Each structure stands twice: as C-alpha cells, then as structure tokens.
PDB file of N, CA and C in Angstrom:
ATOM      1  N   MET A   1     -67.799  72.195  72.483  1.00  0.00           N
ATOM      2  CA  MET A   1     -67.202  73.006  73.187  1.00  0.00           C
ATOM      3  C   MET A   1     -67.526  74.752  72.725  1.00  0.00           C
ATOM      4  N   THR A   2     -67.954  75.405  73.655  1.00  0.00           N
ATOM      5  CA  THR A   2     -68.876  76.895  73.479  1.00  0.00           C
ATOM      6  C   THR A   2     -67.646  77.861  72.994  1.00  0.00           C
ATOM      7  N   LYS A   3     -68.252  78.453  72.126  1.00  0.00           N
ATOM      8  CA  LYS A   3     -67.488  79.859  72.182  1.00  0.00           C
ATOM      9  C   LYS A   3     -67.579  80.948  72.273  1.00  0.00           C
ATOM     10  N   ILE A   4     -67.195  82.231  73.111  1.00  0.00           N
ATOM     11  CA  ILE A   4     -67.689  83.583  73.485  1.00  0.00           C
ATOM     12  C   ILE A   4     -67.081  84.388  72.735  1.00  0.00           C
ATOM     13  N   ILE A   5     -67.938  85.003  72.129  1.00  0.00           N
ATOM     14  CA  ILE A   5     -67.065  86.283  71.260  1.00  0.00           C
ATOM     15  C   ILE A   5     -67.459  87.698  72.054  1.00  0.00           C
ATOM     16  N   HIS A   6     -66.746  88.822  71.800  1.00  0.00           N
ATOM     17  CA  HIS A   6     -66.877  89.574  72.201  1.00  0.00           C
ATOM     18  C   HIS A   6     -66.519  90.901  71.485  1.00  0.00           C
ATOM     19  N   TYR A   7     -67.711  92.014  71.601  1.00  0.00           N
ATOM     20  CA  TYR A   7     -67.149  92.657  70.581  1.00  0.00           C
ATOM     21  C   TYR A   7     -66.578  93.987  71.102  1.00  0.00           C
ATOM     22  N   ARG A   8     -65.483  94.099  71.716  1.00  0.00           N
ATOM     23  CA  ARG A   8     -65.376  95.128  72.945  1.00  0.00           C
ATOM     24  C   ARG A   8     -65.160  96.288  72.095  1.00  0.00           C
ATOM     25  N   ASN A   9     -64.944  96.642  71.252  1.00  0.00           N
ATOM     26  CA  ASN A   9     -65.178  98.164  70.530  1.00  0.00           C
ATOM     27  C   ASN A   9     -66.565  98.930  70.604  1.00  0.00           C
ATOM     28  N   LYS A  10     -67.325  97.898  70.771  1.00  0.00           N
ATOM     29  CA  LYS A  10     -68.978  98.328  71.280  1.00  0.00           C
ATOM     30  C   LYS A  10     -69.351  98.481  72.577  1.00  0.00           C
ATOM     31  N   CYS A  11     -67.912  98.039  73.197  1.00  0.00           N
ATOM     32  CA  CYS A  11     -68.412  98.311  75.020  1.00  0.00           C
ATOM     33  C   CYS A  11     -68.803  99.734  75.207  1.00  0.00           C
ATOM     34  N   ILE A  12     -69.483  99.893  76.322  1.00  0.00           N
ATOM     35  CA  ILE A  12     -69.707 100.776  77.199  1.00  0.00           C
ATOM     36  C   ILE A  12     -69.770 101.072  78.701  1.00  0.00           C
ATOM     37  N   GLY A  13     -68.624  99.874  79.180  1.00  0.00           N
ATOM     38  CA  GLY A  13     -68.159  99.603  80.062  1.00  0.00           C
ATOM     39  C   GLY A  13     -69.163  99.528  81.482  1.00  0.00           C
ATOM     40  N   CYS A  14     -70.067  98.908  81.120  1.00  0.00           N
ATOM     41  CA  CYS A  14     -71.246  98.905  82.222  1.00  0.00           C
ATOM     42  C   CYS A  14     -70.875  97.873  83.386  1.00  0.00           C
ATOM     43  N   GLY A  15     -70.221  97.464  83.156  1.00  0.00           N
ATOM     44  CA  GLY A  15     -69.757  96.233  84.038  1.00  0.00           C
ATOM     45  C   GLY A  15     -70.631  95.263  84.515  1.00  0.00           C
ATOM     46  N   ILE A  16     -71.714  95.022  84.115  1.00  0.00           N
ATOM     47  CA  ILE A  16     -72.474  94.000  84.124  1.00  0.00           C
ATOM     48  C   ILE A  16     -72.058  92.232  84.088  1.00  0.00           C
ATOM     49  N   CYS A  17     -71.036  92.008  82.808  1.00  0.00           N
ATOM     50  CA  CYS A  17     -70.471  91.096  82.679  1.00  0.00           C
ATOM     51  C   CYS A  17     -69.392  90.989  83.904  1.00  0.00           C
ATOM     52  N   PHE A  18     -68.595  91.749  84.089  1.00  0.00           N
ATOM     53  CA  PHE A  18     -67.891  91.444  85.389  1.00  0.00           C
ATOM     54  C   PHE A  18     -68.562  91.043  86.893  1.00  0.00           C
ATOM     55  N   GLU A  19     -69.597  91.892  86.875  1.00  0.00           N
ATOM     56  CA  GLU A  19     -70.426  91.731  88.184  1.00  0.00           C
ATOM     57  C   GLU A  19     -71.003  90.456  87.874  1.00  0.00           C
ATOM     58  N   MET A  20     -71.888  89.621  87.089  1.00  0.00           N
ATOM     59  CA  MET A  20     -72.234  88.361  86.754  1.00  0.00           C
ATOM     60  C   MET A  20     -71.283  87.289  86.450  1.00  0.00           C
ATOM     61  N   GLN A  21     -69.630  87.462  85.893  1.00  0.00           N
ATOM     62  CA  GLN A  21     -68.954  86.305  86.021  1.00  0.00           C
ATOM     63  C   GLN A  21     -67.833  87.025  86.109  1.00  0.00           C
ATOM     64  N   PRO A  22     -67.093  87.259  87.243  1.00  0.00           N
ATOM     65  CA  PRO A  22     -65.698  87.679  87.364  1.00  0.00           C
ATOM     66  C   PRO A  22     -64.724  87.167  86.983  1.00  0.00           C
ATOM     67  N   GLU A  23     -64.847  86.127  87.222  1.00  0.00           N
ATOM     68  CA  GLU A  23     -64.365  84.628  86.415  1.00  0.00           C
ATOM     69  C   GLU A  23     -63.790  85.038  85.256  1.00  0.00           C
ATOM     70  N   LEU A  24     -64.164  85.422  84.461  1.00  0.00           N
ATOM     71  CA  LEU A  24     -64.057  85.668  82.802  1.00  0.00           C
ATOM     72  C   LEU A  24     -63.774  86.769  82.872  1.00  0.00           C
ATOM     73  N   TRP A  25     -64.078  87.823  83.276  1.00  0.00           N
ATOM     74  CA  TRP A  25     -64.384  88.975  82.890  1.00  0.00           C
ATOM     75  C   TRP A  25     -63.613  90.122  83.953  1.00  0.00           C
ATOM     76  N   ARG A  26     -63.231  91.537  83.037  1.00  0.00           N
ATOM     77  CA  ARG A  26     -62.735  92.247  84.292  1.00  0.00           C
ATOM     78  C   ARG A  26     -62.453  93.622  83.303  1.00  0.00           C
ATOM     79  N   MET A  27     -62.912  94.891  84.388  1.00  0.00           N
ATOM     80  CA  MET A  27     -63.076  95.621  83.646  1.00  0.00           C
ATOM     81  C   MET A  27     -61.267  96.721  83.711  1.00  0.00           C
ATOM     82  N   SER A  28     -61.074  97.377  82.879  1.00  0.00           N
ATOM     83  CA  SER A  28     -60.087  97.905  82.240  1.00  0.00           C
ATOM     84  C   SER A  28     -59.698  99.193  82.830  1.00  0.00           C
ATOM     85  N   LYS A  29     -58.871  99.386  83.740  1.00  0.00           N
ATOM     86  CA  LYS A  29     -58.943 100.819  84.012  1.00  0.00           C
ATOM     87  C   LYS A  29     -58.598 101.856  83.087  1.00  0.00           C
ATOM     88  N   LYS A  30     -57.633 101.337  81.988  1.00  0.00           N
ATOM     89  CA  LYS A  30     -57.042 101.913  80.987  1.00  0.00           C
ATOM     90  C   LYS A  30     -58.136 102.986  80.214  1.00  0.00           C
ATOM     91  N   ASP A  31     -59.338 102.214  79.802  1.00  0.00           N
ATOM     92  CA  ASP A  31     -60.304 102.836  79.132  1.00  0.00           C
ATOM     93  C   ASP A  31     -61.858 102.527  79.579  1.00  0.00           C
ATOM     94  N   GLY A  32     -61.928 101.710  80.918  1.00  0.00           N
ATOM     95  CA  GLY A  32     -63.021 101.560  81.044  1.00  0.00           C
ATOM     96  C   GLY A  32     -63.963 100.445  80.326  1.00  0.00           C
ATOM     97  N   LYS A  33     -63.521  99.545  79.631  1.00  0.00           N
ATOM     98  CA  LYS A  33     -64.352  99.176  79.145  1.00  0.00           C
ATOM     99  C   LYS A  33     -63.999  97.184  79.565  1.00  0.00           C
ATOM    100  N   ALA A  34     -65.153  95.833  79.073  1.00  0.00           N
ATOM    101  CA  ALA A  34     -64.652  94.808  79.801  1.00  0.00           C
ATOM    102  C   ALA A  34     -63.535  94.316  78.977  1.00  0.00           C
ATOM    103  N   THR A  35     -63.217  93.571  79.568  1.00  0.00           N
ATOM    104  CA  THR A  35     -62.353  92.473  78.844  1.00  0.00           C
ATOM    105  C   THR A  35     -62.387  91.435  78.899  1.00  0.00           C
ATOM    106  N   LEU A  36     -61.945  90.099  78.175  1.00  0.00           N
ATOM    107  CA  LEU A  36     -63.177  88.870  78.387  1.00  0.00           C
ATOM    108  C   LEU A  36     -61.079  88.239  78.270  1.00  0.00           C
ATOM    109  N   LEU A  37     -61.059  87.726  79.663  1.00  0.00           N
ATOM    110  CA  LEU A  37     -59.898  87.201  79.951  1.00  0.00           C
ATOM    111  C   LEU A  37     -59.311  85.772  79.398  1.00  0.00           C
ATOM    112  N   LYS A  38     -58.405  85.686  78.979  1.00  0.00           N
ATOM    113  CA  LYS A  38     -57.830  84.909  78.102  1.00  0.00           C
ATOM    114  C   LYS A  38     -58.466  84.377  76.795  1.00  0.00           C
ATOM    115  N   ALA A  39     -59.114  85.299  76.441  1.00  0.00           N
ATOM    116  CA  ALA A  39     -59.124  85.087  74.768  1.00  0.00           C
ATOM    117  C   ALA A  39     -58.340  85.540  74.049  1.00  0.00           C
ATOM    118  N   ASN A  40     -58.181  85.143  72.707  1.00  0.00           N
ATOM    119  CA  ASN A  40     -57.752  85.357  71.838  1.00  0.00           C
ATOM    120  C   ASN A  40     -58.147  86.937  70.818  1.00  0.00           C
ATOM    121  N   ALA A  41     -57.596  87.408  70.307  1.00  0.00           N
ATOM    122  CA  ALA A  41     -58.305  88.908  70.058  1.00  0.00           C
ATOM    123  C   ALA A  41     -57.589  89.046  68.415  1.00  0.00           C
ATOM    124  N   LYS A  42     -58.515  89.599  67.470  1.00  0.00           N
ATOM    125  CA  LYS A  42     -58.243  89.816  66.125  1.00  0.00           C
ATOM    126  C   LYS A  42     -59.147  91.002  66.014  1.00  0.00           C
ATOM    127  N   LYS A  43     -58.183  92.340  66.237  1.00  0.00           N
ATOM    128  CA  LYS A  43     -58.695  93.665  66.203  1.00  0.00           C
ATOM    129  C   LYS A  43     -59.511  94.059  67.489  1.00  0.00           C
ATOM    130  N   ASP A  44     -60.859  94.281  68.018  1.00  0.00           N
ATOM    131  CA  ASP A  44     -61.706  94.407  68.550  1.00  0.00           C
ATOM    132  C   ASP A  44     -62.558  93.325  69.406  1.00  0.00           C
ATOM    133  N   VAL A  45     -62.262  92.206  68.564  1.00  0.00           N
ATOM    134  CA  VAL A  45     -63.258  91.095  68.681  1.00  0.00           C
ATOM    135  C   VAL A  45     -62.145  89.908  68.968  1.00  0.00           C
ATOM    136  N   PHE A  46     -62.791  90.051  70.447  1.00  0.00           N
ATOM    137  CA  PHE A  46     -62.150  88.181  71.139  1.00  0.00           C
ATOM    138  C   PHE A  46     -63.064  87.050  71.718  1.00  0.00           C
ATOM    139  N   VAL A  47     -62.560  86.137  71.326  1.00  0.00           N
ATOM    140  CA  VAL A  47     -62.926  85.172  71.371  1.00  0.00           C
ATOM    141  C   VAL A  47     -62.205  83.595  72.212  1.00  0.00           C
ATOM    142  N   LEU A  48     -63.043  83.380  73.090  1.00  0.00           N
ATOM    143  CA  LEU A  48     -62.818  82.472  73.878  1.00  0.00           C
ATOM    144  C   LEU A  48     -63.688  81.264  73.990  1.00  0.00           C
ATOM    145  N   ALA A  49     -62.957  79.560  74.055  1.00  0.00           N
ATOM    146  CA  ALA A  49     -63.602  78.978  73.930  1.00  0.00           C
ATOM    147  C   ALA A  49     -63.575  78.043  75.610  1.00  0.00           C
ATOM    148  N   VAL A  50     -64.884  77.986  75.935  1.00  0.00           N
ATOM    149  CA  VAL A  50     -64.972  77.414  77.347  1.00  0.00           C
ATOM    150  C   VAL A  50     -65.950  76.588  77.660  1.00  0.00           C
ATOM    151  N   ASN A  51     -65.840  75.629  78.680  1.00  0.00           N
ATOM    152  CA  ASN A  51     -67.216  74.751  79.001  1.00  0.00           C
ATOM    153  C   ASN A  51     -68.785  74.885  79.093  1.00  0.00           C
ATOM    154  N   ASN A  52     -68.958  73.778  79.157  1.00  0.00           N
ATOM    155  CA  ASN A  52     -70.574  74.035  79.283  1.00  0.00           C
ATOM    156  C   ASN A  52     -70.845  75.023  80.510  1.00  0.00           C
ATOM    157  N   ILE A  53     -70.113  74.758  81.400  1.00  0.00           N
ATOM    158  CA  ILE A  53     -70.144  74.906  82.787  1.00  0.00           C
ATOM    159  C   ILE A  53     -70.774  76.213  82.732  1.00  0.00           C
ATOM    160  N   ASN A  54     -69.250  77.100  81.985  1.00  0.00           N
ATOM    161  CA  ASN A  54     -69.034  78.339  81.671  1.00  0.00           C
ATOM    162  C   ASN A  54     -69.920  78.877  80.831  1.00  0.00           C
ATOM    163  N   ALA A  55     -71.091  78.241  80.318  1.00  0.00           N
ATOM    164  CA  ALA A  55     -71.074  78.948  79.026  1.00  0.00           C
ATOM    165  C   ALA A  55     -72.998  79.094  79.097  1.00  0.00           C
ATOM    166  N   GLN A  56     -73.187  78.037  80.302  1.00  0.00           N
ATOM    167  CA  GLN A  56     -74.918  78.474  80.763  1.00  0.00           C
ATOM    168  C   GLN A  56     -74.655  79.975  82.004  1.00  0.00           C
ATOM    169  N   LYS A  57     -73.851  80.446  82.360  1.00  0.00           N
ATOM    170  CA  LYS A  57     -73.650  81.179  82.863  1.00  0.00           C
ATOM    171  C   LYS A  57     -73.294  82.467  82.163  1.00  0.00           C
ATOM    172  N   THR A  58     -72.789  82.496  81.059  1.00  0.00           N
ATOM    173  CA  THR A  58     -72.212  82.984  80.046  1.00  0.00           C
ATOM    174  C   THR A  58     -73.308  83.812  79.086  1.00  0.00           C
ATOM    175  N   LEU A  59     -74.345  82.762  79.192  1.00  0.00           N
ATOM    176  CA  LEU A  59     -76.076  83.053  78.382  1.00  0.00           C
ATOM    177  C   LEU A  59     -76.850  83.700  79.509  1.00  0.00           C
ATOM    178  N   GLU A  60     -76.615  83.737  81.006  1.00  0.00           N
ATOM    179  CA  GLU A  60     -77.558  84.591  81.406  1.00  0.00           C
ATOM    180  C   GLU A  60     -76.595  86.326  81.299  1.00  0.00           C
ATOM    181  N   VAL A  61     -75.234  86.580  81.546  1.00  0.00           N
ATOM    182  CA  VAL A  61     -74.068  87.501  80.940  1.00  0.00           C
ATOM    183  C   VAL A  61     -74.722  88.036  79.689  1.00  0.00           C
ATOM    184  N   LYS A  62     -75.137  87.194  78.254  1.00  0.00           N
ATOM    185  CA  LYS A  62     -74.969  87.939  76.941  1.00  0.00           C
ATOM    186  C   LYS A  62     -76.618  88.630  77.315  1.00  0.00           C
ATOM    187  N   ASN A  63     -77.816  88.027  77.720  1.00  0.00           N
ATOM    188  CA  ASN A  63     -78.687  88.132  77.978  1.00  0.00           C
ATOM    189  C   ASN A  63     -78.747  89.780  79.026  1.00  0.00           C
ATOM    190  N   ALA A  64     -77.891  89.784  79.256  1.00  0.00           N
ATOM    191  CA  ALA A  64     -77.831  91.428  80.641  1.00  0.00           C
ATOM    192  C   ALA A  64     -77.194  92.263  79.837  1.00  0.00           C
ATOM    193  N   CYS A  65     -76.272  91.988  79.098  1.00  0.00           N
ATOM    194  CA  CYS A  65     -75.697  92.833  78.326  1.00  0.00           C
ATOM    195  C   CYS A  65     -76.597  93.955  77.529  1.00  0.00           C
ATOM    196  N   PRO A  66     -76.435  95.443  78.443  1.00  0.00           N
ATOM    197  CA  PRO A  66     -77.671  96.413  77.291  1.00  0.00           C
ATOM    198  C   PRO A  66     -77.311  96.958  75.876  1.00  0.00           C
ATOM    199  N   VAL A  67     -75.831  96.568  75.552  1.00  0.00           N
ATOM    200  CA  VAL A  67     -75.818  97.206  74.090  1.00  0.00           C
ATOM    201  C   VAL A  67     -75.294  95.154  73.239  1.00  0.00           C
ATOM    202  N   LYS A  68     -75.668  94.423  73.607  1.00  0.00           N
ATOM    203  CA  LYS A  68     -75.952  92.961  73.084  1.00  0.00           C
ATOM    204  C   LYS A  68     -74.345  92.655  72.316  1.00  0.00           C
ATOM    205  N   ILE A  69     -73.731  92.861  73.050  1.00  0.00           N
ATOM    206  CA  ILE A  69     -71.840  92.370  72.487  1.00  0.00           C
ATOM    207  C   ILE A  69     -71.776  91.393  72.420  1.00  0.00           C
ATOM    208  N   ILE A  70     -72.087  90.673  73.719  1.00  0.00           N
ATOM    209  CA  ILE A  70     -71.479  89.151  73.870  1.00  0.00           C
ATOM    210  C   ILE A  70     -72.353  87.952  73.278  1.00  0.00           C
ATOM    211  N   LYS A  71     -71.265  87.201  72.538  1.00  0.00           N
ATOM    212  CA  LYS A  71     -72.604  86.158  71.456  1.00  0.00           C
ATOM    213  C   LYS A  71     -71.672  84.826  72.428  1.00  0.00           C
ATOM    214  N   VAL A  72     -72.401  83.849  72.269  1.00  0.00           N
ATOM    215  CA  VAL A  72     -72.565  82.696  72.663  1.00  0.00           C
ATOM    216  C   VAL A  72     -72.546  81.587  71.790  1.00  0.00           C
ATOM    217  N   VAL A  73     -71.340  81.049  71.054  1.00  0.00           N
ATOM    218  CA  VAL A  73     -72.105  80.023  69.932  1.00  0.00           C
ATOM    219  C   VAL A  73     -71.182  78.469  70.463  1.00  0.00           C
TER     220      VAL A  73
END
C-alpha cells in the first residue's frame, strides 16, 4: 500500500492537486489551502494510504505541485 503525505501548512493554494485528482483533494473555503480527503492528520501533516491506481495519478500531482509539499512513499 502506498502513502500520500501532504504538508498542508506549506500549501500556497494553487489548486493543481484538486484539478488533477478531485477524488482525493478539496480546496478549503476557510483558508484556500488544499485538503487531502480522508487523511489522518498529525499537526499540519496529512497521511493517506491509497491503492496503486490512485498512487500513479498522485505521482503526477506530486510532480505538478509548485511548492513540492506532496510526497508519495
């Protein structure tokens, strides 16, 4: 199983993750930052286990993120 790690406190709210993978991401109306849906949060670090199908798409999202705050492990 693959894990997505999102460092939300460093998010600039560009929305590329939501545009590329709306099934896993939402843009917060409160602060304009991206939120990784159904993720477990520890402070401002969000972790979500995904299957390999979602992981491949998330690699593309990770590479598109301008501030490089998405990790796939």
